Amino acid sequence: MNLPEREAAVRRLLERTPPPVPPDLHAEAVRRGSRMLRRRAAARRLLWLALFAAAVAFLVWASVARPWVEPPSTTTPPISDW
């Protein structure tokens, strides 16, 4: 299809009458949009809750395991009876 044929096809499409729009289209779009917004807000809340739970779990683990403390040496026995 060359340029004049494409232009003619576009002109034919634009000259036709547009198809009728369903009368309840706006109400359906608003209903779906509000449902999508509610789902997005719920997902955002769930992600924040998961992030908070992960932070609390990390803090509890760090307070119990104390990874910053150097473990005792096990290669040499303690010196006693000098």
PDB file of N, CA and C in Angstrom:
ATOM      1  N   MET A   1       0.863  -1.175   0.000  1.00  0.00           N
ATOM      2  CA  MET A   1       0.000   0.000   0.000  1.00  0.00           C
ATOM      3  C   MET A   1       0.909   1.237   0.000  1.00  0.00           C
ATOM      4  N   ASN A   2       0.731   2.067  -0.999  1.00  0.00           N
ATOM      5  CA  ASN A   2       1.565   3.267  -1.075  1.00  0.00           C
ATOM      6  C   ASN A   2       0.866   4.443  -0.396  1.00  0.00           C
ATOM      7  N   LEU A   3       1.509   5.581  -0.397  1.00  0.00           N
ATOM      8  CA  LEU A   3       1.019   6.740   0.352  1.00  0.00           C
ATOM      9  C   LEU A   3      -0.365   7.208  -0.106  1.00  0.00           C
ATOM     10  N   PRO A   4      -0.621   7.373  -1.412  1.00  0.00           N
ATOM     11  CA  PRO A   4      -1.985   7.820  -1.799  1.00  0.00           C
ATOM     12  C   PRO A   4      -3.080   6.833  -1.386  1.00  0.00           C
ATOM     13  N   GLU A   5      -2.778   5.537  -1.465  1.00  0.00           N
ATOM     14  CA  GLU A   5      -3.800   4.555  -1.071  1.00  0.00           C
ATOM     15  C   GLU A   5      -4.070   4.627   0.441  1.00  0.00           C
ATOM     16  N   ARG A   6      -3.007   4.813   1.217  1.00  0.00           N
ATOM     17  CA  ARG A   6      -3.199   4.947   2.662  1.00  0.00           C
ATOM     18  C   ARG A   6      -3.996   6.194   3.003  1.00  0.00           C
ATOM     19  N   GLU A   7      -3.679   7.300   2.319  1.00  0.00           N
ATOM     20  CA  GLU A   7      -4.430   8.539   2.575  1.00  0.00           C
ATOM     21  C   GLU A   7      -5.894   8.363   2.209  1.00  0.00           C
ATOM     22  N   ALA A   8      -6.166   7.684   1.101  1.00  0.00           N
ATOM     23  CA  ALA A   8      -7.558   7.452   0.689  1.00  0.00           C
ATOM     24  C   ALA A   8      -8.269   6.565   1.708  1.00  0.00           C
ATOM     25  N   ALA A   9      -7.576   5.553   2.229  1.00  0.00           N
ATOM     26  CA  ALA A   9      -8.196   4.677   3.220  1.00  0.00           C
ATOM     27  C   ALA A   9      -8.509   5.447   4.496  1.00  0.00           C
ATOM     28  N   VAL A  10      -7.616   6.331   4.896  1.00  0.00           N
ATOM     29  CA  VAL A  10      -7.865   7.133   6.097  1.00  0.00           C
ATOM     30  C   VAL A  10      -9.024   8.076   5.871  1.00  0.00           C
ATOM     31  N   ARG A  11      -9.091   8.683   4.698  1.00  0.00           N
ATOM     32  CA  ARG A  11     -10.216   9.594   4.398  1.00  0.00           C
ATOM     33  C   ARG A  11     -11.543   8.845   4.441  1.00  0.00           C
ATOM     34  N   ARG A  12     -11.565   7.623   3.891  1.00  0.00           N
ATOM     35  CA  ARG A  12     -12.806   6.834   3.917  1.00  0.00           C
ATOM     36  C   ARG A  12     -13.210   6.531   5.365  1.00  0.00           C
ATOM     37  N   LEU A  13     -12.224   6.205   6.216  1.00  0.00           N
ATOM     38  CA  LEU A  13     -12.540   5.934   7.618  1.00  0.00           C
ATOM     39  C   LEU A  13     -13.079   7.172   8.320  1.00  0.00           C
ATOM     40  N   LEU A  14     -12.498   8.330   8.021  1.00  0.00           N
ATOM     41  CA  LEU A  14     -12.924   9.555   8.688  1.00  0.00           C
ATOM     42  C   LEU A  14     -14.266  10.067   8.184  1.00  0.00           C
ATOM     43  N   GLU A  15     -14.638   9.733   6.971  1.00  0.00           N
ATOM     44  CA  GLU A  15     -15.903  10.219   6.418  1.00  0.00           C
ATOM     45  C   GLU A  15     -17.093   9.394   6.892  1.00  0.00           C
ATOM     46  N   ARG A  16     -16.832   8.185   7.375  1.00  0.00           N
ATOM     47  CA  ARG A  16     -17.942   7.365   7.858  1.00  0.00           C
ATOM     48  C   ARG A  16     -18.504   7.957   9.144  1.00  0.00           C
ATOM     49  N   THR A  17     -19.740   7.612   9.436  1.00  0.00           N
ATOM     50  CA  THR A  17     -20.333   8.056  10.696  1.00  0.00           C
ATOM     51  C   THR A  17     -19.760   7.203  11.821  1.00  0.00           C
ATOM     52  N   PRO A  18     -19.496   7.820  12.952  1.00  0.00           N
ATOM     53  CA  PRO A  18     -18.921   7.042  14.058  1.00  0.00           C
ATOM     54  C   PRO A  18     -19.943   6.043  14.593  1.00  0.00           C
ATOM     55  N   PRO A  19     -19.476   4.928  15.112  1.00  0.00           N
ATOM     56  CA  PRO A  19     -20.415   3.943  15.660  1.00  0.00           C
ATOM     57  C   PRO A  19     -21.092   4.496  16.906  1.00  0.00           C
ATOM     58  N   PRO A  20     -22.302   4.036  17.192  1.00  0.00           N
ATOM     59  CA  PRO A  20     -23.004   4.546  18.380  1.00  0.00           C
ATOM     60  C   PRO A  20     -22.304   4.101  19.659  1.00  0.00           C
ATOM     61  N   VAL A  21     -22.300   4.986  20.626  1.00  0.00           N
ATOM     62  CA  VAL A  21     -21.681   4.704  21.922  1.00  0.00           C
ATOM     63  C   VAL A  21     -22.757   4.167  22.862  1.00  0.00           C
ATOM     64  N   PRO A  22     -22.475   3.087  23.587  1.00  0.00           N
ATOM     65  CA  PRO A  22     -23.481   2.566  24.523  1.00  0.00           C
ATOM     66  C   PRO A  22     -23.839   3.625  25.572  1.00  0.00           C
ATOM     67  N   PRO A  23     -25.096   3.680  25.978  1.00  0.00           N
ATOM     68  CA  PRO A  23     -25.515   4.726  26.923  1.00  0.00           C
ATOM     69  C   PRO A  23     -24.905   4.582  28.314  1.00  0.00           C
ATOM     70  N   ASP A  24     -24.583   3.366  28.724  1.00  0.00           N
ATOM     71  CA  ASP A  24     -24.038   3.181  30.071  1.00  0.00           C
ATOM     72  C   ASP A  24     -22.512   3.119  30.078  1.00  0.00           C
ATOM     73  N   LEU A  25     -21.873   3.595  29.032  1.00  0.00           N
ATOM     74  CA  LEU A  25     -20.418   3.523  28.937  1.00  0.00           C
ATOM     75  C   LEU A  25     -19.733   4.333  30.045  1.00  0.00           C
ATOM     76  N   HIS A  26     -20.242   5.525  30.310  1.00  0.00           N
ATOM     77  CA  HIS A  26     -19.625   6.382  31.329  1.00  0.00           C
ATOM     78  C   HIS A  26     -19.743   5.752  32.720  1.00  0.00           C
ATOM     79  N   ALA A  27     -20.915   5.250  33.049  1.00  0.00           N
ATOM     80  CA  ALA A  27     -21.116   4.632  34.365  1.00  0.00           C
ATOM     81  C   ALA A  27     -20.227   3.402  34.532  1.00  0.00           C
ATOM     82  N   GLU A  28     -20.098   2.611  33.475  1.00  0.00           N
ATOM     83  CA  GLU A  28     -19.242   1.420  33.546  1.00  0.00           C
ATOM     84  C   GLU A  28     -17.776   1.802  33.701  1.00  0.00           C
ATOM     85  N   ALA A  29     -17.353   2.836  33.002  1.00  0.00           N
ATOM     86  CA  ALA A  29     -15.958   3.283  33.116  1.00  0.00           C
ATOM     87  C   ALA A  29     -15.669   3.816  34.521  1.00  0.00           C
ATOM     88  N   VAL A  30     -16.603   4.551  35.107  1.00  0.00           N
ATOM     89  CA  VAL A  30     -16.424   5.065  36.467  1.00  0.00           C
ATOM     90  C   VAL A  30     -16.376   3.913  37.468  1.00  0.00           C
ATOM     91  N   ARG A  31     -17.234   2.914  37.295  1.00  0.00           N
ATOM     92  CA  ARG A  31     -17.259   1.764  38.196  1.00  0.00           C
ATOM     93  C   ARG A  31     -15.940   1.000  38.131  1.00  0.00           C
ATOM     94  N   ARG A  32     -15.471   0.744  36.915  1.00  0.00           N
ATOM     95  CA  ARG A  32     -14.198   0.014  36.771  1.00  0.00           C
ATOM     96  C   ARG A  32     -13.020   0.832  37.281  1.00  0.00           C
ATOM     97  N   GLY A  33     -13.056   2.126  37.029  1.00  0.00           N
ATOM     98  CA  GLY A  33     -11.963   2.975  37.500  1.00  0.00           C
ATOM     99  C   GLY A  33     -11.901   3.043  39.010  1.00  0.00           C
ATOM    100  N   SER A  34     -13.046   3.153  39.664  1.00  0.00           N
ATOM    101  CA  SER A  34     -13.037   3.203  41.129  1.00  0.00           C
ATOM    102  C   SER A  34     -12.591   1.864  41.710  1.00  0.00           C
ATOM    103  N   ARG A  35     -12.983   0.770  41.086  1.00  0.00           N
ATOM    104  CA  ARG A  35     -12.528  -0.543  41.541  1.00  0.00           C
ATOM    105  C   ARG A  35     -11.020  -0.672  41.373  1.00  0.00           C
ATOM    106  N   MET A  36     -10.487  -0.165  40.260  1.00  0.00           N
ATOM    107  CA  MET A  36      -9.049  -0.228  40.038  1.00  0.00           C
ATOM    108  C   MET A  36      -8.305   0.610  41.071  1.00  0.00           C
ATOM    109  N   LEU A  37      -8.841   1.776  41.412  1.00  0.00           N
ATOM    110  CA  LEU A  37      -8.206   2.618  42.421  1.00  0.00           C
ATOM    111  C   LEU A  37      -8.235   1.955  43.799  1.00  0.00           C
ATOM    112  N   ARG A  38      -9.349   1.303  44.146  1.00  0.00           N
ATOM    113  CA  ARG A  38      -9.422   0.589  45.428  1.00  0.00           C
ATOM    114  C   ARG A  38      -8.418  -0.549  45.486  1.00  0.00           C
ATOM    115  N   ARG A  39      -8.295  -1.287  44.399  1.00  0.00           N
ATOM    116  CA  ARG A  39      -7.318  -2.386  44.372  1.00  0.00           C
ATOM    117  C   ARG A  39      -5.892  -1.858  44.487  1.00  0.00           C
ATOM    118  N   ARG A  40      -5.611  -0.777  43.795  1.00  0.00           N
ATOM    119  CA  ARG A  40      -4.269  -0.197  43.855  1.00  0.00           C
ATOM    120  C   ARG A  40      -3.949   0.298  45.260  1.00  0.00           C
ATOM    121  N   ALA A  41      -4.916   0.923  45.916  1.00  0.00           N
ATOM    122  CA  ALA A  41      -4.707   1.394  47.289  1.00  0.00           C
ATOM    123  C   ALA A  41      -4.515   0.216  48.241  1.00  0.00           C
ATOM    124  N   ALA A  42      -5.280  -0.848  48.058  1.00  0.00           N
ATOM    125  CA  ALA A  42      -5.126  -2.028  48.915  1.00  0.00           C
ATOM    126  C   ALA A  42      -3.756  -2.673  48.700  1.00  0.00           C
ATOM    127  N   ALA A  43      -3.306  -2.739  47.465  1.00  0.00           N
ATOM    128  CA  ALA A  43      -1.985  -3.302  47.184  1.00  0.00           C
ATOM    129  C   ALA A  43      -0.889  -2.444  47.805  1.00  0.00           C
ATOM    130  N   ARG A  44      -1.055  -1.127  47.736  1.00  0.00           N
ATOM    131  CA  ARG A  44      -0.066  -0.233  48.335  1.00  0.00           C
ATOM    132  C   ARG A  44      -0.017  -0.416  49.854  1.00  0.00           C
ATOM    133  N   ARG A  45      -1.186  -0.530  50.488  1.00  0.00           N
ATOM    134  CA  ARG A  45      -1.223  -0.769  51.933  1.00  0.00           C
ATOM    135  C   ARG A  45      -0.577  -2.107  52.286  1.00  0.00           C
ATOM    136  N   LEU A  46      -0.851  -3.126  51.491  1.00  0.00           N
ATOM    137  CA  LEU A  46      -0.269  -4.442  51.743  1.00  0.00           C
ATOM    138  C   LEU A  46       1.251  -4.406  51.607  1.00  0.00           C
ATOM    139  N   LEU A  47       1.770  -3.693  50.627  1.00  0.00           N
ATOM    140  CA  LEU A  47       3.220  -3.590  50.469  1.00  0.00           C
ATOM    141  C   LEU A  47       3.858  -2.832  51.626  1.00  0.00           C
ATOM    142  N   TRP A  48       3.217  -1.765  52.089  1.00  0.00           N
ATOM    143  CA  TRP A  48       3.752  -1.034  53.250  1.00  0.00           C
ATOM    144  C   TRP A  48       3.726  -1.916  54.495  1.00  0.00           C
ATOM    145  N   LEU A  49       2.662  -2.693  54.662  1.00  0.00           N
ATOM    146  CA  LEU A  49       2.576  -3.603  55.794  1.00  0.00           C
ATOM    147  C   LEU A  49       3.678  -4.665  55.729  1.00  0.00           C
ATOM    148  N   ALA A  50       3.927  -5.209  54.539  1.00  0.00           N
ATOM    149  CA  ALA A  50       4.999  -6.197  54.387  1.00  0.00           C
ATOM    150  C   ALA A  50       6.362  -5.580  54.670  1.00  0.00           C
ATOM    151  N   LEU A  51       6.575  -4.354  54.228  1.00  0.00           N
ATOM    152  CA  LEU A  51       7.843  -3.672  54.501  1.00  0.00           C
ATOM    153  C   LEU A  51       8.023  -3.440  56.000  1.00  0.00           C
ATOM    154  N   PHE A  52       6.965  -3.020  56.672  1.00  0.00           N
ATOM    155  CA  PHE A  52       7.026  -2.801  58.114  1.00  0.00           C
ATOM    156  C   PHE A  52       7.293  -4.115  58.853  1.00  0.00           C
ATOM    157  N   ALA A  53       6.614  -5.195  58.429  1.00  0.00           N
ATOM    158  CA  ALA A  53       6.828  -6.499  59.068  1.00  0.00           C
ATOM    159  C   ALA A  53       8.259  -6.980  58.851  1.00  0.00           C
ATOM    160  N   ALA A  54       8.816  -6.743  57.665  1.00  0.00           N
ATOM    161  CA  ALA A  54      10.198  -7.144  57.408  1.00  0.00           C
ATOM    162  C   ALA A  54      11.161  -6.339  58.270  1.00  0.00           C
ATOM    163  N   ALA A  55      10.904  -5.053  58.455  1.00  0.00           N
ATOM    164  CA  ALA A  55      11.768  -4.228  59.301  1.00  0.00           C
ATOM    165  C   ALA A  55      11.705  -4.688  60.751  1.00  0.00           C
ATOM    166  N   VAL A  56      10.511  -4.993  61.239  1.00  0.00           N
ATOM    167  CA  VAL A  56      10.372  -5.476  62.617  1.00  0.00           C
ATOM    168  C   VAL A  56      11.059  -6.829  62.775  1.00  0.00           C
ATOM    169  N   ALA A  57      10.889  -7.718  61.808  1.00  0.00           N
ATOM    170  CA  ALA A  57      11.540  -9.023  61.880  1.00  0.00           C
ATOM    171  C   ALA A  57      13.059  -8.869  61.882  1.00  0.00           C
ATOM    172  N   PHE A  58      13.580  -7.957  61.079  1.00  0.00           N
ATOM    173  CA  PHE A  58      15.025  -7.729  61.067  1.00  0.00           C
ATOM    174  C   PHE A  58      15.502  -7.188  62.408  1.00  0.00           C
ATOM    175  N   LEU A  59      14.767  -6.258  62.984  1.00  0.00           N
ATOM    176  CA  LEU A  59      15.169  -5.700  64.276  1.00  0.00           C
ATOM    177  C   LEU A  59      15.131  -6.752  65.380  1.00  0.00           C
ATOM    178  N   VAL A  60      14.134  -7.603  65.372  1.00  0.00           N
ATOM    179  CA  VAL A  60      14.064  -8.661  66.372  1.00  0.00           C
ATOM    180  C   VAL A  60      15.215  -9.631  66.180  1.00  0.00           C
ATOM    181  N   TRP A  61      15.495 -10.032  64.940  1.00  0.00           N
ATOM    182  CA  TRP A  61      16.620 -10.936  64.689  1.00  0.00           C
ATOM    183  C   TRP A  61      17.939 -10.302  65.112  1.00  0.00           C
ATOM    184  N   ALA A  62      18.141  -9.029  64.791  1.00  0.00           N
ATOM    185  CA  ALA A  62      19.391  -8.365  65.134  1.00  0.00           C
ATOM    186  C   ALA A  62      19.546  -8.242  66.644  1.00  0.00           C
ATOM    187  N   SER A  63      18.461  -8.025  67.364  1.00  0.00           N
ATOM    188  CA  SER A  63      18.583  -7.914  68.819  1.00  0.00           C
ATOM    189  C   SER A  63      18.849  -9.266  69.474  1.00  0.00           C
ATOM    190  N   VAL A  64      18.390 -10.347  68.860  1.00  0.00           N
ATOM    191  CA  VAL A  64      18.618 -11.680  69.424  1.00  0.00           C
ATOM    192  C   VAL A  64      19.969 -12.236  68.977  1.00  0.00           C
ATOM    193  N   ALA A  65      20.294 -12.137  67.704  1.00  0.00           N
ATOM    194  CA  ALA A  65      21.517 -12.747  67.182  1.00  0.00           C
ATOM    195  C   ALA A  65      22.750 -11.889  67.431  1.00  0.00           C
ATOM    196  N   ARG A  66      22.583 -10.605  67.572  1.00  0.00           N
ATOM    197  CA  ARG A  66      23.684  -9.658  67.798  1.00  0.00           C
ATOM    198  C   ARG A  66      24.846  -9.922  66.838  1.00  0.00           C
ATOM    199  N   PRO A  67      24.624  -9.711  65.532  1.00  0.00           N
ATOM    200  CA  PRO A  67      25.657 -10.036  64.544  1.00  0.00           C
ATOM    201  C   PRO A  67      26.873  -9.110  64.611  1.00  0.00           C
ATOM    202  N   TRP A  68      26.792  -8.002  65.331  1.00  0.00           N
ATOM    203  CA  TRP A  68      27.919  -7.085  65.423  1.00  0.00           C
ATOM    204  C   TRP A  68      28.938  -7.521  66.481  1.00  0.00           C
ATOM    205  N   VAL A  69      28.583  -8.488  67.336  1.00  0.00           N
ATOM    206  CA  VAL A  69      29.476  -8.963  68.385  1.00  0.00           C
ATOM    207  C   VAL A  69      30.394 -10.035  67.789  1.00  0.00           C
ATOM    208  N   GLU A  70      31.683  -9.919  68.067  1.00  0.00           N
ATOM    209  CA  GLU A  70      32.646 -10.884  67.561  1.00  0.00           C
ATOM    210  C   GLU A  70      32.465 -12.209  68.312  1.00  0.00           C
ATOM    211  N   PRO A  71      32.394 -13.322  67.579  1.00  0.00           N
ATOM    212  CA  PRO A  71      32.204 -14.611  68.262  1.00  0.00           C
ATOM    213  C   PRO A  71      33.470 -14.997  69.026  1.00  0.00           C
ATOM    214  N   PRO A  72      33.325 -15.779  70.083  1.00  0.00           N
ATOM    215  CA  PRO A  72      34.505 -16.178  70.850  1.00  0.00           C
ATOM    216  C   PRO A  72      35.419 -17.080  70.023  1.00  0.00           C
ATOM    217  N   SER A  73      36.706 -16.985  70.283  1.00  0.00           N
ATOM    218  CA  SER A  73      37.684 -17.772  69.560  1.00  0.00           C
ATOM    219  C   SER A  73      37.634 -19.219  70.033  1.00  0.00           C
ATOM    220  N   THR A  74      37.679 -20.143  69.122  1.00  0.00           N
ATOM    221  CA  THR A  74      37.658 -21.563  69.472  1.00  0.00           C
ATOM    222  C   THR A  74      38.948 -22.258  69.082  1.00  0.00           C
ATOM    223  N   THR A  75      39.965 -21.522  68.624  1.00  0.00           N
ATOM    224  CA  THR A  75      41.199 -22.171  68.171  1.00  0.00           C
ATOM    225  C   THR A  75      42.186 -22.416  69.307  1.00  0.00           C
ATOM    226  N   THR A  76      42.195 -21.570  70.319  1.00  0.00           N
ATOM    227  CA  THR A  76      43.124 -21.762  71.441  1.00  0.00           C
ATOM    228  C   THR A  76      42.340 -21.867  72.725  1.00  0.00           C
ATOM    229  N   PRO A  77      42.790 -22.721  73.646  1.00  0.00           N
ATOM    230  CA  PRO A  77      42.072 -22.832  74.926  1.00  0.00           C
ATOM    231  C   PRO A  77      42.373 -21.620  75.792  1.00  0.00           C
ATOM    232  N   PRO A  78      41.505 -21.310  76.715  1.00  0.00           N
ATOM    233  CA  PRO A  78      41.779 -20.184  77.606  1.00  0.00           C
ATOM    234  C   PRO A  78      42.980 -20.486  78.509  1.00  0.00           C
ATOM    235  N   ILE A  79      43.716 -19.437  78.820  1.00  0.00           N
ATOM    236  CA  ILE A  79      44.898 -19.584  79.684  1.00  0.00           C
ATOM    237  C   ILE A  79      44.439 -19.605  81.143  1.00  0.00           C
ATOM    238  N   SER A  80      44.912 -20.626  81.890  1.00  0.00           N
ATOM    239  CA  SER A  80      44.554 -20.723  83.307  1.00  0.00           C
ATOM    240  C   SER A  80      45.735 -21.323  84.082  1.00  0.00           C
ATOM    241  N   ASP A  81      45.715 -21.174  85.375  1.00  0.00           N
ATOM    242  CA  ASP A  81      46.746 -21.723  86.290  1.00  0.00           C
ATOM    243  C   ASP A  81      48.146 -21.195  85.964  1.00  0.00           C
ATOM    244  N   TRP A  82      48.374 -19.953  85.962  1.00  0.00           N
ATOM    245  CA  TRP A  82      49.718 -19.388  85.775  1.00  0.00           C
ATOM    246  C   TRP A  82      50.330 -19.191  87.083  1.00  0.00           C
TER     247      TRP A  82
END
